[in-house]
Amino acid sequence: MGGVNFKNAAPYIIVVLLFILGVGINAIISAGREGPKAPGKEAVAGEYQLASSKCAECHEMWPYISTWMLSAHKKVSCDRCHTNIDLAAMEKAHAAGSYRQPIALKAPMDRGVCLGCHSGQRAPSMPGDLRDPHPAHFEAGIQCVSCHYGVTHFKINERDIFKLPDFSNPSNWRPELVKTIATLPYSRPTMQDCFNCHQTVFNPNFNPEKPMKASETPCAACHTQLTNPSQLPPAYR
């Protein structure tokens, strides 16, 4: 068998190498012209995603951005719930330093926003012996945020978290730090939230068919196993 004639193949090899080199140089030049690619609308921030990078541009919004990142709504963009935000007015207030801290909505969020995704007749699983009061509250026209005001931002305004040394500067609010205060109990309604509207009384003979006033709500309206008022916390007996 005859050997490979490298002398005859050399010109072809050189052409292939020059072609590969040319492609590589062109790719480098193109990348330089384009510059670094801007992050998309859902830019990755650690293990989380920012669904609205516009909100994250201002440091005073980071307490709300970072708590949202840890919430059950972290895959829902800010403007999906905050539908009436005037970004131009917010930018003007930011530039003038005239925004209020902590930042708060001027009016409670209307339940119509929540109903864009959730059903008012939903039957969620309840902890312990609790029964689900959603249908009764829905039919009474109660706003969702009357109870679920901590679902996304963990009640940071109501808890005065901004007064804590590590949280006084909004720029310090990042998910790694916020994990210490954005814990599950603060994203759910508490018994005290119930007492904000109801004066609970012990009544083992509660009749669900009998109309009742909010101020006369028996424990059995929500608890299925409570049979003795001594089972209530001392402050509520």
Protein backbone atom coordinates (compact mmCIF):
# COMPACT_ATOMS: atom_id res chain seq x y z
CA MET A 1 0.00 0.00 0.00
CA GLY A 2 1.25 3.46 -0.79
CA GLY A 3 1.74 6.00 1.99
CA VAL A 4 -0.19 9.26 2.29
CA ASN A 5 1.24 11.98 0.08
CA PHE A 6 1.41 14.85 2.61
CA LYS A 7 3.13 17.02 0.05
CA ASN A 8 0.04 16.96 -2.17
CA ALA A 9 -2.40 17.32 0.80
CA ALA A 10 -0.60 20.24 2.43
CA PRO A 11 -2.37 23.00 0.45
CA TYR A 12 -5.79 21.62 1.44
CA ILE A 13 -4.81 21.36 5.08
CA ILE A 14 -3.63 24.97 5.08
CA VAL A 15 -6.91 26.14 3.52
CA VAL A 16 -8.96 24.32 6.19
CA LEU A 17 -6.87 25.79 9.00
CA LEU A 18 -7.16 29.31 7.57
CA PHE A 19 -10.95 28.87 7.32
CA ILE A 20 -11.24 27.77 10.96
CA LEU A 21 -9.02 30.66 12.06
CA GLY A 22 -11.13 33.12 10.09
CA VAL A 23 -14.37 31.89 11.69
CA GLY A 24 -12.86 32.26 15.16
CA ILE A 25 -11.60 35.80 14.52
CA ASN A 26 -14.99 36.83 13.11
CA ALA A 27 -16.79 35.51 16.21
CA ILE A 28 -14.47 37.48 18.50
CA ILE A 29 -14.98 40.70 16.51
CA SER A 30 -18.77 40.24 16.50
CA ALA A 31 -18.86 39.70 20.24
CA GLY A 32 -16.82 42.86 20.76
CA ARG A 33 -19.22 44.90 18.64
CA GLU A 34 -22.32 43.60 20.42
CA GLY A 35 -20.90 44.05 23.90
CA PRO A 36 -22.25 42.13 26.89
CA LYS A 37 -25.85 41.04 26.50
CA ALA A 38 -28.34 42.84 28.73
CA PRO A 39 -30.29 40.63 31.12
CA GLY A 40 -33.78 39.67 30.02
CA LYS A 41 -36.97 40.61 31.82
CA GLU A 42 -36.43 37.70 34.19
CA ALA A 43 -32.81 38.26 35.15
CA VAL A 44 -31.27 35.70 37.44
CA ALA A 45 -30.31 36.97 40.90
CA GLY A 46 -28.69 34.10 42.76
CA GLU A 47 -31.20 31.27 42.79
CA TYR A 48 -34.07 33.71 42.34
CA GLN A 49 -35.49 35.60 39.38
CA LEU A 50 -36.49 39.23 39.11
CA ALA A 51 -39.80 39.37 37.30
CA SER A 52 -39.61 43.15 37.13
CA SER A 53 -36.08 44.53 36.85
CA LYS A 54 -37.53 48.06 36.73
CA CYS A 55 -38.58 47.81 40.37
CA ALA A 56 -35.15 46.53 41.39
CA GLU A 57 -33.36 49.59 39.98
CA CYS A 58 -34.14 51.62 43.11
CA HIS A 59 -32.50 50.63 46.37
CA GLU A 60 -35.51 51.63 48.48
CA MET A 61 -37.51 48.89 46.74
CA TRP A 62 -35.15 46.09 47.77
CA PRO A 63 -36.95 45.28 51.03
CA TYR A 64 -40.00 44.43 48.94
CA ILE A 65 -38.07 42.82 46.08
CA SER A 66 -36.12 40.54 48.42
CA THR A 67 -39.15 39.44 50.45
CA TRP A 68 -41.06 38.79 47.23
CA MET A 69 -38.15 36.57 46.10
CA LEU A 70 -38.76 34.35 49.13
CA SER A 71 -42.54 34.27 48.87
CA ALA A 72 -45.02 31.94 47.26
CA HIS A 73 -45.50 34.63 44.59
CA LYS A 74 -41.84 34.76 43.50
CA LYS A 75 -42.75 33.59 39.97
CA VAL A 76 -45.43 36.26 39.59
CA SER A 77 -44.22 39.60 38.23
CA CYS A 78 -44.67 42.71 40.38
CA ASP A 79 -46.98 44.42 37.90
CA ARG A 80 -49.30 41.41 37.87
CA CYS A 81 -50.51 42.38 41.35
CA HIS A 82 -49.49 46.04 41.55
CA THR A 83 -51.58 47.13 38.59
CA ASN A 84 -52.02 50.82 39.47
CA ILE A 85 -48.39 51.78 40.04
CA ASP A 86 -47.32 55.07 38.43
CA LEU A 87 -43.67 54.40 37.61
CA ALA A 88 -43.10 57.95 36.38
CA ALA A 89 -44.32 59.38 39.69
CA MET A 90 -42.20 56.87 41.63
CA GLU A 91 -39.08 57.78 39.66
CA LYS A 92 -39.75 61.47 40.30
CA ALA A 93 -40.15 60.82 44.04
CA HIS A 94 -36.95 58.75 44.01
CA ALA A 95 -34.98 61.53 42.35
CA ALA A 96 -36.35 64.13 44.78
CA GLY A 97 -35.97 61.88 47.82
CA SER A 98 -39.59 62.58 48.69
CA TYR A 99 -40.77 59.00 48.99
CA ARG A 100 -41.96 57.76 52.35
CA GLN A 101 -40.28 54.98 54.26
CA PRO A 102 -41.37 52.34 54.71
CA ILE A 103 -43.08 52.36 51.34
CA ALA A 104 -46.74 51.41 51.57
CA LEU A 105 -49.74 51.24 49.28
CA LYS A 106 -52.06 54.24 49.45
CA ALA A 107 -55.05 51.91 49.51
CA PRO A 108 -55.45 48.17 50.26
CA MET A 109 -55.18 45.94 47.23
CA ASP A 110 -58.60 45.13 45.84
CA ARG A 111 -59.51 41.47 45.93
CA GLY A 112 -60.25 41.61 42.20
CA VAL A 113 -56.48 41.48 41.68
CA CYS A 114 -56.24 38.27 43.70
CA LEU A 115 -59.22 36.77 41.90
CA GLY A 116 -57.34 37.16 38.64
CA CYS A 117 -55.49 33.98 39.68
CA HIS A 118 -57.31 32.58 42.72
CA SER A 119 -60.87 31.46 43.29
CA GLY A 120 -62.84 33.00 46.13
CA GLN A 121 -64.46 29.59 46.66
CA ARG A 122 -61.17 27.69 46.96
CA ALA A 123 -60.84 25.08 49.68
CA PRO A 124 -57.21 25.18 50.84
CA SER A 125 -55.81 22.69 53.29
CA MET A 126 -55.93 24.09 56.81
CA PRO A 127 -53.53 23.25 59.65
CA GLY A 128 -54.63 21.44 62.79
CA ASP A 129 -58.34 21.41 63.52
CA LEU A 130 -59.17 24.56 61.58
CA ARG A 131 -62.08 24.63 59.16
CA ASP A 132 -61.96 26.72 55.99
CA PRO A 133 -63.85 30.07 56.30
CA HIS A 134 -63.12 31.28 52.76
CA PRO A 135 -66.62 30.97 51.23
CA ALA A 136 -68.25 32.86 54.12
CA HIS A 137 -65.70 35.66 53.93
CA PHE A 138 -65.92 35.81 50.15
CA GLU A 139 -69.70 36.13 50.20
CA ALA A 140 -69.43 38.85 52.84
CA GLY A 141 -67.20 40.87 50.50
CA ILE A 142 -64.13 40.73 52.73
CA GLN A 143 -60.94 41.83 51.01
CA CYS A 144 -58.33 39.08 50.64
CA VAL A 145 -55.58 41.27 52.10
CA SER A 146 -57.59 41.79 55.28
CA CYS A 147 -56.19 38.41 56.30
CA HIS A 148 -53.49 37.61 53.74
CA TYR A 149 -51.54 40.86 53.92
CA GLY A 150 -48.28 39.04 54.65
CA VAL A 151 -48.37 36.53 51.81
CA THR A 152 -45.73 38.28 49.69
CA HIS A 153 -43.85 40.73 51.94
CA PHE A 154 -44.03 38.93 55.30
CA LYS A 155 -45.58 41.93 57.15
CA ILE A 156 -42.26 43.81 57.24
CA ASN A 157 -43.99 47.19 57.58
CA GLU A 158 -46.31 46.07 60.35
CA ARG A 159 -43.45 44.39 62.22
CA ASP A 160 -41.19 47.48 62.09
CA ILE A 161 -38.36 45.42 60.63
CA PHE A 162 -36.75 48.62 59.33
CA LYS A 163 -35.92 49.60 62.90
CA LEU A 164 -33.57 46.61 63.28
CA PRO A 165 -29.90 47.60 62.80
CA ASP A 166 -29.18 45.19 59.95
CA PHE A 167 -32.30 46.27 58.07
CA SER A 168 -32.25 50.05 58.44
CA ASN A 169 -30.50 50.49 55.08
CA PRO A 170 -32.67 49.26 52.17
CA SER A 171 -29.56 48.47 50.15
CA ASN A 172 -28.69 45.72 52.65
CA TRP A 173 -31.87 43.81 51.94
CA ARG A 174 -30.92 40.73 49.96
CA PRO A 175 -32.50 37.26 50.10
CA GLU A 176 -29.56 35.79 52.02
CA LEU A 177 -30.12 38.25 54.90
CA VAL A 178 -33.89 38.46 54.61
CA LYS A 179 -34.25 34.71 55.12
CA THR A 180 -33.80 35.38 58.82
CA ILE A 181 -36.97 37.48 59.09
CA ALA A 182 -39.09 36.30 56.14
CA THR A 183 -40.25 33.08 57.76
CA LEU A 184 -43.41 31.11 57.16
CA PRO A 185 -45.54 32.24 60.14
CA TYR A 186 -45.38 35.85 58.96
CA SER A 187 -46.80 35.05 55.54
CA ARG A 188 -49.99 33.53 56.99
CA PRO A 189 -52.95 34.91 58.94
CA THR A 190 -52.78 34.54 62.71
CA MET A 191 -55.47 34.15 65.36
CA GLN A 192 -55.00 37.82 66.19
CA ASP A 193 -55.95 38.66 62.60
CA CYS A 194 -59.25 36.85 63.24
CA PHE A 195 -59.80 38.81 66.44
CA ASN A 196 -59.35 42.07 64.56
CA CYS A 197 -62.89 41.47 63.29
CA HIS A 198 -64.35 38.77 65.54
CA GLN A 199 -64.99 38.67 69.26
CA THR A 200 -64.70 34.95 69.83
CA VAL A 201 -66.92 33.34 72.44
CA PHE A 202 -67.02 29.74 73.61
CA ASN A 203 -70.19 27.95 72.54
CA PRO A 204 -70.12 24.13 72.31
CA ASN A 205 -73.68 24.18 70.96
CA PHE A 206 -72.84 26.27 67.93
CA ASN A 207 -75.43 25.92 65.17
CA PRO A 208 -73.92 26.73 61.74
CA GLU A 209 -77.45 27.26 60.36
CA LYS A 210 -78.21 30.06 62.80
CA PRO A 211 -77.27 33.60 61.67
CA MET A 212 -74.71 35.23 63.89
CA LYS A 213 -73.09 38.60 64.30
CA ALA A 214 -69.37 39.03 63.81
CA SER A 215 -69.07 40.04 67.46
CA GLU A 216 -70.68 36.77 68.54
CA THR A 217 -68.54 34.31 66.59
CA PRO A 218 -68.12 31.05 68.54
CA CYS A 219 -64.83 29.16 68.58
CA ALA A 220 -66.51 26.22 66.88
CA ALA A 221 -67.04 28.37 63.79
CA CYS A 222 -63.38 27.79 62.94
CA HIS A 223 -62.16 25.05 65.29
CA THR A 224 -63.52 21.53 64.95
CA GLN A 225 -62.03 20.05 68.13
CA LEU A 226 -62.16 22.90 70.65
CA THR A 227 -64.48 21.80 73.46
CA ASN A 228 -63.24 23.77 76.43
CA PRO A 229 -62.33 27.48 76.75
CA SER A 230 -59.27 26.48 78.80
CA GLN A 231 -57.75 25.33 75.52
CA LEU A 232 -57.62 28.92 74.36
CA PRO A 233 -54.51 31.05 75.04
CA PRO A 234 -54.94 32.94 78.36
CA ALA A 235 -55.34 36.29 76.60
CA TYR A 236 -58.37 35.02 74.68
CA ARG A 237 -60.37 33.19 77.40
